[in-house]
Each structure stands twice: as structure tokens, then as C-alpha cells.
N, C-alpha and C. Protein backbone atom coordinates (compact mmCIF):
# COMPACT_ATOMS: atom_id res chain seq x y z
N MET A 1 -83.45 -75.85 -37.20
CA MET A 1 -83.17 -76.90 -38.16
C MET A 1 -84.06 -76.69 -39.37
N ASN A 2 -83.51 -76.90 -40.56
CA ASN A 2 -84.27 -76.79 -41.80
C ASN A 2 -84.58 -78.19 -42.31
N VAL A 3 -85.86 -78.49 -42.44
CA VAL A 3 -86.33 -79.83 -42.74
C VAL A 3 -86.99 -79.84 -44.12
N ALA A 4 -86.70 -80.87 -44.90
CA ALA A 4 -87.30 -81.02 -46.22
C ALA A 4 -88.10 -82.32 -46.29
N LEU A 5 -89.12 -82.31 -47.10
CA LEU A 5 -89.81 -83.53 -47.49
C LEU A 5 -90.48 -83.27 -48.82
N GLY A 6 -90.81 -84.34 -49.51
CA GLY A 6 -91.40 -84.15 -50.82
C GLY A 6 -92.41 -85.22 -51.15
N GLY A 7 -93.25 -84.92 -52.13
CA GLY A 7 -94.24 -85.89 -52.57
C GLY A 7 -95.22 -85.28 -53.54
N THR A 8 -96.20 -86.10 -53.91
CA THR A 8 -97.27 -85.67 -54.82
C THR A 8 -98.48 -85.21 -54.02
N PHE A 9 -98.73 -85.85 -52.89
CA PHE A 9 -99.77 -85.44 -51.96
C PHE A 9 -101.13 -85.28 -52.65
N ASP A 10 -101.56 -86.35 -53.30
CA ASP A 10 -102.84 -86.31 -54.01
C ASP A 10 -103.61 -87.60 -53.81
N PRO A 11 -104.51 -87.61 -52.88
CA PRO A 11 -104.86 -86.56 -51.92
C PRO A 11 -104.03 -86.67 -50.64
N VAL A 12 -104.04 -85.60 -49.85
CA VAL A 12 -103.40 -85.61 -48.54
C VAL A 12 -104.20 -86.55 -47.63
N HIS A 13 -103.47 -87.36 -46.85
CA HIS A 13 -104.12 -88.32 -45.94
C HIS A 13 -103.37 -88.36 -44.61
N ASP A 14 -103.86 -89.17 -43.69
CA ASP A 14 -103.29 -89.22 -42.34
C ASP A 14 -101.82 -89.65 -42.33
N GLY A 15 -101.40 -90.47 -43.28
CA GLY A 15 -99.98 -90.82 -43.37
C GLY A 15 -99.13 -89.60 -43.67
N HIS A 16 -99.60 -88.75 -44.60
CA HIS A 16 -98.89 -87.50 -44.90
C HIS A 16 -98.89 -86.59 -43.67
N ARG A 17 -100.02 -86.54 -43.00
CA ARG A 17 -100.12 -85.67 -41.83
C ARG A 17 -99.12 -86.06 -40.75
N LYS A 18 -98.86 -87.35 -40.63
CA LYS A 18 -97.85 -87.82 -39.67
C LYS A 18 -96.45 -87.35 -40.10
N LEU A 19 -96.17 -87.36 -41.40
CA LEU A 19 -94.90 -86.85 -41.91
C LEU A 19 -94.77 -85.36 -41.60
N PHE A 20 -95.83 -84.60 -41.90
CA PHE A 20 -95.81 -83.15 -41.67
C PHE A 20 -95.61 -82.84 -40.19
N GLU A 21 -96.33 -83.55 -39.33
CA GLU A 21 -96.23 -83.33 -37.89
C GLU A 21 -94.79 -83.52 -37.42
N ARG A 22 -94.17 -84.60 -37.85
CA ARG A 22 -92.78 -84.87 -37.45
C ARG A 22 -91.85 -83.78 -37.97
N ALA A 23 -92.06 -83.35 -39.20
CA ALA A 23 -91.21 -82.30 -39.77
C ALA A 23 -91.29 -81.02 -38.94
N PHE A 24 -92.50 -80.60 -38.59
CA PHE A 24 -92.66 -79.37 -37.81
C PHE A 24 -92.15 -79.52 -36.38
N GLU A 25 -92.14 -80.72 -35.84
CA GLU A 25 -91.53 -80.94 -34.53
C GLU A 25 -90.03 -80.63 -34.57
N LEU A 26 -89.40 -80.87 -35.73
CA LEU A 26 -87.95 -80.71 -35.86
C LEU A 26 -87.50 -79.31 -36.24
N GLY A 27 -88.31 -78.58 -37.02
CA GLY A 27 -87.85 -77.26 -37.46
C GLY A 27 -88.74 -76.63 -38.50
N ASP A 28 -88.17 -75.64 -39.19
CA ASP A 28 -88.87 -75.00 -40.30
C ASP A 28 -88.89 -75.98 -41.47
N VAL A 29 -89.96 -75.95 -42.24
CA VAL A 29 -90.23 -77.02 -43.21
C VAL A 29 -90.33 -76.47 -44.62
N THR A 30 -89.67 -77.15 -45.54
CA THR A 30 -89.86 -76.91 -46.97
C THR A 30 -90.40 -78.19 -47.57
N VAL A 31 -91.56 -78.08 -48.21
CA VAL A 31 -92.18 -79.24 -48.85
C VAL A 31 -92.02 -79.10 -50.34
N GLY A 32 -91.39 -80.11 -50.94
CA GLY A 32 -91.30 -80.17 -52.39
C GLY A 32 -92.52 -80.90 -52.92
N LEU A 33 -93.27 -80.24 -53.78
CA LEU A 33 -94.48 -80.81 -54.37
C LEU A 33 -94.20 -81.12 -55.83
N THR A 34 -94.41 -82.37 -56.23
CA THR A 34 -94.07 -82.77 -57.60
C THR A 34 -94.82 -81.93 -58.62
N SER A 35 -94.10 -81.56 -59.67
CA SER A 35 -94.70 -80.82 -60.77
C SER A 35 -95.68 -81.71 -61.52
N ASP A 36 -96.49 -81.10 -62.36
CA ASP A 36 -97.44 -81.88 -63.17
C ASP A 36 -96.70 -82.87 -64.06
N GLU A 37 -95.50 -82.52 -64.51
CA GLU A 37 -94.72 -83.40 -65.38
C GLU A 37 -94.09 -84.55 -64.59
N LEU A 38 -93.61 -84.27 -63.39
CA LEU A 38 -92.93 -85.29 -62.59
C LEU A 38 -93.91 -86.24 -61.90
N ALA A 39 -95.06 -85.74 -61.49
CA ALA A 39 -95.99 -86.54 -60.69
C ALA A 39 -96.31 -87.91 -61.32
N PRO A 40 -96.64 -88.00 -62.61
CA PRO A 40 -96.96 -89.32 -63.17
C PRO A 40 -95.77 -90.28 -63.15
N GLU A 41 -94.56 -89.74 -63.23
CA GLU A 41 -93.35 -90.57 -63.22
C GLU A 41 -93.09 -91.20 -61.86
N THR A 42 -93.66 -90.64 -60.81
CA THR A 42 -93.42 -91.14 -59.46
C THR A 42 -94.50 -92.10 -58.99
N ARG A 43 -95.48 -92.35 -59.81
CA ARG A 43 -96.60 -93.23 -59.44
C ARG A 43 -96.26 -94.68 -59.72
N HIS A 44 -96.62 -95.56 -58.80
CA HIS A 44 -96.45 -97.00 -58.99
C HIS A 44 -97.63 -97.59 -59.74
N VAL A 45 -98.74 -96.86 -59.71
CA VAL A 45 -99.96 -97.28 -60.39
C VAL A 45 -100.39 -96.13 -61.29
N ASP A 46 -100.76 -96.44 -62.52
CA ASP A 46 -101.20 -95.41 -63.45
C ASP A 46 -102.54 -94.85 -62.98
N ARG A 47 -102.55 -93.58 -62.62
CA ARG A 47 -103.78 -92.94 -62.19
C ARG A 47 -103.70 -91.44 -62.43
N TYR A 48 -104.85 -90.84 -62.53
CA TYR A 48 -104.94 -89.39 -62.71
C TYR A 48 -104.44 -88.70 -61.44
N VAL A 49 -103.59 -87.69 -61.64
CA VAL A 49 -103.10 -86.85 -60.54
C VAL A 49 -103.62 -85.44 -60.82
N ARG A 50 -104.24 -84.84 -59.82
CA ARG A 50 -104.78 -83.49 -59.98
C ARG A 50 -103.67 -82.49 -60.30
N PRO A 51 -104.03 -81.37 -60.95
CA PRO A 51 -103.04 -80.36 -61.31
C PRO A 51 -102.31 -79.79 -60.08
N PHE A 52 -101.09 -79.32 -60.34
CA PHE A 52 -100.23 -78.77 -59.30
C PHE A 52 -100.95 -77.74 -58.45
N ASP A 53 -101.63 -76.77 -59.08
CA ASP A 53 -102.23 -75.68 -58.31
C ASP A 53 -103.29 -76.18 -57.33
N ARG A 54 -104.03 -77.20 -57.69
CA ARG A 54 -105.04 -77.76 -56.77
C ARG A 54 -104.37 -78.53 -55.64
N ARG A 55 -103.32 -79.30 -55.96
CA ARG A 55 -102.60 -80.02 -54.92
C ARG A 55 -101.91 -79.05 -53.97
N GLU A 56 -101.34 -77.98 -54.53
CA GLU A 56 -100.67 -76.98 -53.71
C GLU A 56 -101.66 -76.29 -52.76
N ARG A 57 -102.83 -75.97 -53.25
CA ARG A 57 -103.86 -75.33 -52.41
C ARG A 57 -104.22 -76.23 -51.23
N ASP A 58 -104.45 -77.51 -51.51
CA ASP A 58 -104.82 -78.44 -50.44
C ASP A 58 -103.66 -78.64 -49.46
N LEU A 59 -102.45 -78.68 -49.98
CA LEU A 59 -101.27 -78.84 -49.13
C LEU A 59 -101.10 -77.63 -48.22
N GLU A 60 -101.26 -76.44 -48.77
CA GLU A 60 -101.16 -75.21 -47.96
C GLU A 60 -102.19 -75.23 -46.83
N ALA A 61 -103.39 -75.71 -47.11
CA ALA A 61 -104.44 -75.77 -46.09
C ALA A 61 -104.06 -76.72 -44.96
N GLU A 62 -103.28 -77.74 -45.25
CA GLU A 62 -102.80 -78.67 -44.21
C GLU A 62 -101.63 -78.08 -43.43
N LEU A 63 -100.71 -77.44 -44.15
CA LEU A 63 -99.46 -76.99 -43.53
C LEU A 63 -99.61 -75.73 -42.68
N ALA A 64 -100.44 -74.79 -43.10
CA ALA A 64 -100.54 -73.51 -42.39
C ALA A 64 -100.89 -73.67 -40.91
N PRO A 65 -101.93 -74.43 -40.57
CA PRO A 65 -102.24 -74.55 -39.13
C PRO A 65 -101.17 -75.30 -38.35
N LEU A 66 -100.52 -76.29 -38.98
CA LEU A 66 -99.45 -77.01 -38.29
C LEU A 66 -98.27 -76.09 -38.01
N ALA A 67 -97.89 -75.30 -39.01
CA ALA A 67 -96.78 -74.37 -38.83
C ALA A 67 -97.09 -73.39 -37.70
N GLU A 68 -98.31 -72.88 -37.70
CA GLU A 68 -98.69 -71.92 -36.66
C GLU A 68 -98.66 -72.56 -35.28
N SER A 69 -99.17 -73.77 -35.17
CA SER A 69 -99.22 -74.42 -33.85
C SER A 69 -97.83 -74.77 -33.32
N HIS A 70 -96.86 -74.92 -34.21
CA HIS A 70 -95.49 -75.23 -33.79
C HIS A 70 -94.58 -74.00 -33.78
N GLY A 71 -95.11 -72.84 -34.20
CA GLY A 71 -94.29 -71.63 -34.27
C GLY A 71 -93.18 -71.75 -35.30
N ARG A 72 -93.50 -72.37 -36.43
CA ARG A 72 -92.50 -72.62 -37.47
C ARG A 72 -92.89 -71.93 -38.78
N ASP A 73 -91.90 -71.78 -39.63
CA ASP A 73 -92.13 -71.29 -40.98
C ASP A 73 -92.20 -72.49 -41.92
N TYR A 74 -92.85 -72.29 -43.06
CA TYR A 74 -92.87 -73.34 -44.08
C TYR A 74 -92.93 -72.70 -45.46
N GLU A 75 -92.57 -73.51 -46.43
CA GLU A 75 -92.61 -73.09 -47.83
C GLU A 75 -92.94 -74.32 -48.66
N VAL A 76 -93.72 -74.13 -49.71
CA VAL A 76 -93.99 -75.18 -50.69
C VAL A 76 -93.27 -74.79 -51.97
N ARG A 77 -92.47 -75.73 -52.49
CA ARG A 77 -91.73 -75.49 -53.73
C ARG A 77 -92.01 -76.60 -54.73
N GLU A 78 -91.96 -76.27 -55.98
CA GLU A 78 -92.24 -77.25 -57.04
C GLU A 78 -91.02 -78.14 -57.28
N LEU A 79 -91.28 -79.44 -57.31
CA LEU A 79 -90.22 -80.41 -57.63
C LEU A 79 -90.30 -80.76 -59.11
N THR A 80 -89.19 -80.63 -59.80
CA THR A 80 -89.15 -80.98 -61.22
C THR A 80 -88.27 -82.19 -61.49
N GLU A 81 -87.57 -82.67 -60.46
CA GLU A 81 -86.76 -83.88 -60.59
C GLU A 81 -86.85 -84.66 -59.28
N PRO A 82 -86.68 -85.99 -59.34
CA PRO A 82 -86.91 -86.82 -58.15
C PRO A 82 -86.06 -86.45 -56.94
N THR A 83 -84.81 -86.04 -57.13
CA THR A 83 -83.99 -85.68 -55.98
C THR A 83 -84.39 -84.33 -55.41
N GLY A 84 -85.08 -83.55 -56.22
CA GLY A 84 -85.72 -82.33 -55.76
C GLY A 84 -84.83 -81.35 -55.05
N ILE A 85 -85.40 -80.73 -54.05
CA ILE A 85 -84.76 -79.66 -53.31
C ILE A 85 -83.76 -80.16 -52.28
N ALA A 86 -83.83 -81.43 -51.92
CA ALA A 86 -83.03 -81.95 -50.81
C ALA A 86 -81.53 -81.96 -51.07
N VAL A 87 -81.13 -81.80 -52.32
CA VAL A 87 -79.69 -81.74 -52.60
C VAL A 87 -79.13 -80.33 -52.37
N GLU A 88 -80.01 -79.37 -52.13
CA GLU A 88 -79.58 -77.99 -51.88
C GLU A 88 -78.94 -77.89 -50.50
N PRO A 89 -78.00 -76.95 -50.35
CA PRO A 89 -77.19 -76.93 -49.11
C PRO A 89 -77.91 -76.54 -47.83
N GLU A 90 -79.03 -75.86 -47.89
CA GLU A 90 -79.60 -75.28 -46.67
C GLU A 90 -80.34 -76.25 -45.77
N PHE A 91 -80.49 -77.50 -46.18
CA PHE A 91 -81.28 -78.43 -45.38
C PHE A 91 -80.42 -79.27 -44.44
N ASP A 92 -81.03 -79.62 -43.30
CA ASP A 92 -80.36 -80.43 -42.28
C ASP A 92 -80.95 -81.83 -42.17
N ALA A 93 -82.24 -81.97 -42.46
CA ALA A 93 -82.93 -83.24 -42.29
C ALA A 93 -83.92 -83.46 -43.43
N LEU A 94 -84.16 -84.72 -43.71
CA LEU A 94 -85.13 -85.12 -44.73
C LEU A 94 -86.09 -86.12 -44.09
N ILE A 95 -87.37 -85.83 -44.18
CA ILE A 95 -88.40 -86.74 -43.67
C ILE A 95 -88.71 -87.74 -44.77
N VAL A 96 -88.65 -89.03 -44.45
CA VAL A 96 -88.93 -90.08 -45.41
C VAL A 96 -89.85 -91.12 -44.77
N SER A 97 -90.49 -91.90 -45.63
CA SER A 97 -91.26 -93.05 -45.17
C SER A 97 -90.41 -94.28 -45.42
N PRO A 98 -90.80 -95.43 -44.91
CA PRO A 98 -89.96 -96.62 -45.12
C PRO A 98 -89.66 -96.90 -46.58
N GLU A 99 -90.64 -96.69 -47.47
CA GLU A 99 -90.38 -96.99 -48.89
C GLU A 99 -89.59 -95.91 -49.62
N THR A 100 -89.44 -94.72 -49.01
CA THR A 100 -88.66 -93.68 -49.66
C THR A 100 -87.28 -93.48 -49.02
N LYS A 101 -86.95 -94.31 -48.03
CA LYS A 101 -85.64 -94.19 -47.37
C LYS A 101 -84.49 -94.37 -48.35
N ALA A 102 -84.62 -95.32 -49.29
CA ALA A 102 -83.55 -95.54 -50.28
C ALA A 102 -83.33 -94.29 -51.12
N GLY A 103 -84.41 -93.58 -51.45
CA GLY A 103 -84.28 -92.31 -52.18
C GLY A 103 -83.53 -91.28 -51.36
N GLY A 104 -83.78 -91.26 -50.05
CA GLY A 104 -83.05 -90.36 -49.16
C GLY A 104 -81.57 -90.68 -49.12
N GLU A 105 -81.25 -91.97 -49.15
CA GLU A 105 -79.84 -92.38 -49.18
C GLU A 105 -79.18 -91.95 -50.49
N ARG A 106 -79.92 -92.03 -51.61
CA ARG A 106 -79.38 -91.55 -52.90
C ARG A 106 -79.14 -90.04 -52.85
N ILE A 107 -80.06 -89.32 -52.22
CA ILE A 107 -79.88 -87.87 -52.07
C ILE A 107 -78.62 -87.58 -51.27
N ASN A 108 -78.38 -88.33 -50.20
CA ASN A 108 -77.16 -88.12 -49.41
C ASN A 108 -75.91 -88.44 -50.23
N ASP A 109 -75.96 -89.45 -51.09
CA ASP A 109 -74.83 -89.73 -51.98
C ASP A 109 -74.53 -88.53 -52.87
N ILE A 110 -75.58 -87.94 -53.43
CA ILE A 110 -75.41 -86.75 -54.29
C ILE A 110 -74.84 -85.60 -53.48
N ARG A 111 -75.33 -85.41 -52.27
CA ARG A 111 -74.83 -84.33 -51.43
C ARG A 111 -73.34 -84.52 -51.15
N ARG A 112 -72.94 -85.76 -50.84
CA ARG A 112 -71.51 -86.03 -50.58
C ARG A 112 -70.68 -85.74 -51.82
N GLU A 113 -71.18 -86.17 -52.99
CA GLU A 113 -70.46 -85.90 -54.25
C GLU A 113 -70.27 -84.41 -54.48
N ARG A 114 -71.20 -83.61 -54.00
CA ARG A 114 -71.14 -82.15 -54.16
C ARG A 114 -70.43 -81.46 -53.00
N GLY A 115 -69.86 -82.26 -52.08
CA GLY A 115 -69.13 -81.70 -50.96
C GLY A 115 -70.00 -81.17 -49.84
N ARG A 116 -71.25 -81.62 -49.79
CA ARG A 116 -72.18 -81.18 -48.75
C ARG A 116 -72.34 -82.27 -47.70
N ASP A 117 -72.70 -81.84 -46.50
CA ASP A 117 -72.98 -82.80 -45.44
C ASP A 117 -74.24 -83.59 -45.77
N PRO A 118 -74.28 -84.86 -45.38
CA PRO A 118 -75.51 -85.62 -45.58
C PRO A 118 -76.62 -85.12 -44.66
N LEU A 119 -77.83 -85.36 -45.08
CA LEU A 119 -78.99 -85.00 -44.26
C LEU A 119 -79.27 -86.08 -43.23
N ASP A 120 -79.82 -85.69 -42.10
CA ASP A 120 -80.37 -86.67 -41.17
C ASP A 120 -81.62 -87.22 -41.82
N LEU A 121 -81.67 -88.54 -42.03
CA LEU A 121 -82.87 -89.15 -42.60
C LEU A 121 -83.77 -89.57 -41.45
N VAL A 122 -84.94 -88.97 -41.37
CA VAL A 122 -85.89 -89.23 -40.30
C VAL A 122 -87.00 -90.09 -40.91
N VAL A 123 -87.03 -91.36 -40.53
CA VAL A 123 -88.01 -92.30 -41.08
C VAL A 123 -89.27 -92.27 -40.22
N VAL A 124 -90.39 -92.00 -40.85
CA VAL A 124 -91.68 -91.96 -40.18
C VAL A 124 -92.49 -93.16 -40.68
N ASP A 125 -92.90 -93.99 -39.75
CA ASP A 125 -93.65 -95.19 -40.12
C ASP A 125 -95.00 -94.86 -40.73
N HIS A 126 -95.52 -95.83 -41.46
CA HIS A 126 -96.83 -95.70 -42.09
C HIS A 126 -97.93 -95.61 -41.05
N VAL A 127 -99.07 -95.13 -41.48
CA VAL A 127 -100.28 -95.15 -40.67
C VAL A 127 -101.17 -96.25 -41.25
N ALA A 128 -101.66 -97.11 -40.39
CA ALA A 128 -102.49 -98.22 -40.85
C ALA A 128 -103.94 -97.79 -41.04
N ALA A 129 -104.53 -98.35 -42.08
CA ALA A 129 -105.96 -98.16 -42.33
C ALA A 129 -106.74 -99.13 -41.44
N GLU A 130 -108.04 -99.03 -41.51
CA GLU A 130 -108.93 -99.86 -40.72
C GLU A 130 -108.67 -101.35 -40.94
N ASP A 131 -108.24 -101.73 -42.14
CA ASP A 131 -107.99 -103.14 -42.46
C ASP A 131 -106.58 -103.60 -42.12
N GLY A 132 -105.77 -102.71 -41.52
CA GLY A 132 -104.41 -103.06 -41.14
C GLY A 132 -103.37 -102.78 -42.21
N GLU A 133 -103.80 -102.55 -43.43
CA GLU A 133 -102.87 -102.18 -44.51
C GLU A 133 -102.58 -100.69 -44.40
N ARG A 134 -101.50 -100.25 -45.03
CA ARG A 134 -101.15 -98.84 -44.90
C ARG A 134 -102.08 -97.93 -45.69
N ILE A 135 -102.26 -96.73 -45.16
CA ILE A 135 -103.01 -95.70 -45.87
C ILE A 135 -102.13 -95.21 -47.01
N SER A 136 -102.69 -95.09 -48.19
CA SER A 136 -101.96 -94.54 -49.32
C SER A 136 -102.92 -93.77 -50.22
N SER A 137 -102.38 -92.80 -50.94
CA SER A 137 -103.19 -92.04 -51.88
C SER A 137 -103.75 -92.96 -52.96
N THR A 138 -102.98 -93.95 -53.37
CA THR A 138 -103.45 -94.88 -54.40
C THR A 138 -104.70 -95.61 -53.93
N ARG A 139 -104.72 -96.06 -52.69
CA ARG A 139 -105.89 -96.75 -52.15
C ARG A 139 -107.09 -95.80 -52.03
N ILE A 140 -106.83 -94.57 -51.67
CA ILE A 140 -107.91 -93.59 -51.56
C ILE A 140 -108.50 -93.32 -52.94
N VAL A 141 -107.63 -93.07 -53.91
CA VAL A 141 -108.08 -92.79 -55.27
C VAL A 141 -108.83 -93.99 -55.86
N ALA A 142 -108.43 -95.20 -55.49
CA ALA A 142 -109.10 -96.40 -55.98
C ALA A 142 -110.47 -96.60 -55.34
N GLY A 143 -110.77 -95.83 -54.29
CA GLY A 143 -112.06 -95.94 -53.63
C GLY A 143 -112.10 -96.95 -52.50
N GLU A 144 -110.93 -97.51 -52.12
CA GLU A 144 -110.89 -98.53 -51.05
C GLU A 144 -111.07 -97.94 -49.66
N ILE A 145 -110.46 -96.77 -49.43
CA ILE A 145 -110.45 -96.14 -48.11
C ILE A 145 -110.62 -94.63 -48.27
N ASP A 146 -110.89 -93.97 -47.14
CA ASP A 146 -110.90 -92.51 -47.15
C ASP A 146 -109.55 -91.99 -46.62
N GLU A 147 -109.41 -90.69 -46.49
CA GLU A 147 -108.14 -90.09 -46.09
C GLU A 147 -107.69 -90.48 -44.68
N HIS A 148 -108.62 -91.01 -43.88
CA HIS A 148 -108.29 -91.43 -42.52
C HIS A 148 -108.10 -92.94 -42.42
N GLY A 149 -108.26 -93.65 -43.53
CA GLY A 149 -108.07 -95.10 -43.53
C GLY A 149 -109.32 -95.91 -43.26
N ASN A 150 -110.46 -95.24 -43.22
CA ASN A 150 -111.72 -95.97 -43.05
C ASN A 150 -112.07 -96.66 -44.37
N LEU A 151 -112.52 -97.89 -44.28
CA LEU A 151 -112.92 -98.63 -45.47
C LEU A 151 -114.16 -97.98 -46.10
N THR A 152 -114.14 -97.89 -47.43
CA THR A 152 -115.24 -97.24 -48.16
C THR A 152 -115.67 -98.13 -49.32
N PRO A 153 -116.26 -99.30 -49.02
CA PRO A 153 -116.59 -100.25 -50.08
C PRO A 153 -117.63 -99.76 -51.08
N ASP A 154 -118.43 -98.76 -50.72
CA ASP A 154 -119.47 -98.29 -51.62
C ASP A 154 -119.04 -97.06 -52.43
N ARG A 155 -117.79 -96.62 -52.26
CA ARG A 155 -117.32 -95.42 -52.96
C ARG A 155 -116.63 -95.83 -54.25
N GLU A 156 -116.88 -95.08 -55.30
CA GLU A 156 -116.22 -95.33 -56.58
C GLU A 156 -114.92 -94.51 -56.62
N GLY A 157 -113.87 -95.10 -57.14
CA GLY A 157 -112.57 -94.44 -57.19
C GLY A 157 -112.40 -93.54 -58.39
N ARG A 158 -111.22 -92.94 -58.45
CA ARG A 158 -110.82 -92.05 -59.53
C ARG A 158 -110.06 -92.89 -60.55
N GLY A 159 -110.30 -92.70 -61.82
CA GLY A 159 -109.65 -93.48 -62.86
C GLY A 159 -108.24 -93.03 -63.18
N ALA A 160 -107.65 -93.62 -64.20
CA ALA A 160 -106.29 -93.32 -64.62
C ALA A 160 -106.23 -92.06 -65.48
N THR A 161 -107.37 -91.60 -65.98
CA THR A 161 -107.38 -90.42 -66.83
C THR A 161 -108.16 -89.30 -66.16
N ARG A 162 -107.94 -88.10 -66.67
CA ARG A 162 -108.60 -86.93 -66.10
C ARG A 162 -110.12 -87.06 -66.24
N PRO A 163 -110.84 -86.83 -65.14
CA PRO A 163 -112.30 -86.89 -65.22
C PRO A 163 -112.83 -85.75 -66.09
N GLU A 164 -113.89 -86.02 -66.81
CA GLU A 164 -114.48 -84.98 -67.68
C GLU A 164 -115.49 -84.16 -66.95
């Protein structure tokens, strides 16, 4: 099975790791990583997003051992539009989170319009932080939690602009 998922992944956290784990359980994985131009458009909160090459490096470091442990192949590709790679014919499943399921349904609409079979949408629940709220990159960047969801009240977050 060929599995797709996409995101900005800045920074990678345990919620992302749960998505990756599920993807590799199902098959070979292609991860669409938002381009530097697309990444700010996908943010709900205005914040600095690290450059593509740094995010890609960190993503590769997460994916390589998972792929090896599952005996799977993987590829990271640049996303330049929100529907990304998932409208391409070679995929069978799309990993989504509860808040991105509607986007997966839009992707399936596009696939049907193009005469392609819809993808199996595999919804992976959020991972809760220590305070019971979901782990998110936005919360990590704000300095509220670390990548594992531990509260970090004494840590200063990353601002909306590139650090000097």
C-alpha cells in the first residue's frame, strides 16, 4: 500500500510521530513537506517557520529509523499547494488528524473529479500533552510545552518573525 501524509512539521512532536507510525504500519510512505511559500499559509497562528531544508533534515531523521524498523520505503517531497501530492494516482491511503479530515475529503473530491479512486482516509487521534490539551507545534513554538507534551513554563517561545 502507498500511503501519503503532509504537513509543515516544525517542530516534529509526538503527535506527528503517531501519524508516522500509523503510516508505516500500513505501507510505504510519502511525506509531503510544505514549501517555504506554502508553510505560512497553512498556519492558524502567525509564527516563524524554519526553512524547508532544516525541516526536511529533521523529518528525515525521524522517518529513516521508522522506515527501517517496519521494512518500508519512504520519500519526502515538497508541497507547493494544499492538496499536495495526495491527488496523484499512486496513493491508496492518506493519514489525517481529526482537524485535517475535511481536507482529506476535499482531496477525495478532486480525485473523483479526475477519475481516480478515493483514498482511504485514516484518522489518527491527537496525542495529549501533560495538561490534557493536544500537543501541537504552535504550543511548542509558543514555549508552553516540549515535543513530548511536557509543560515548560520557564521556556521562552519562538516569535512570529525569523530570529536574528
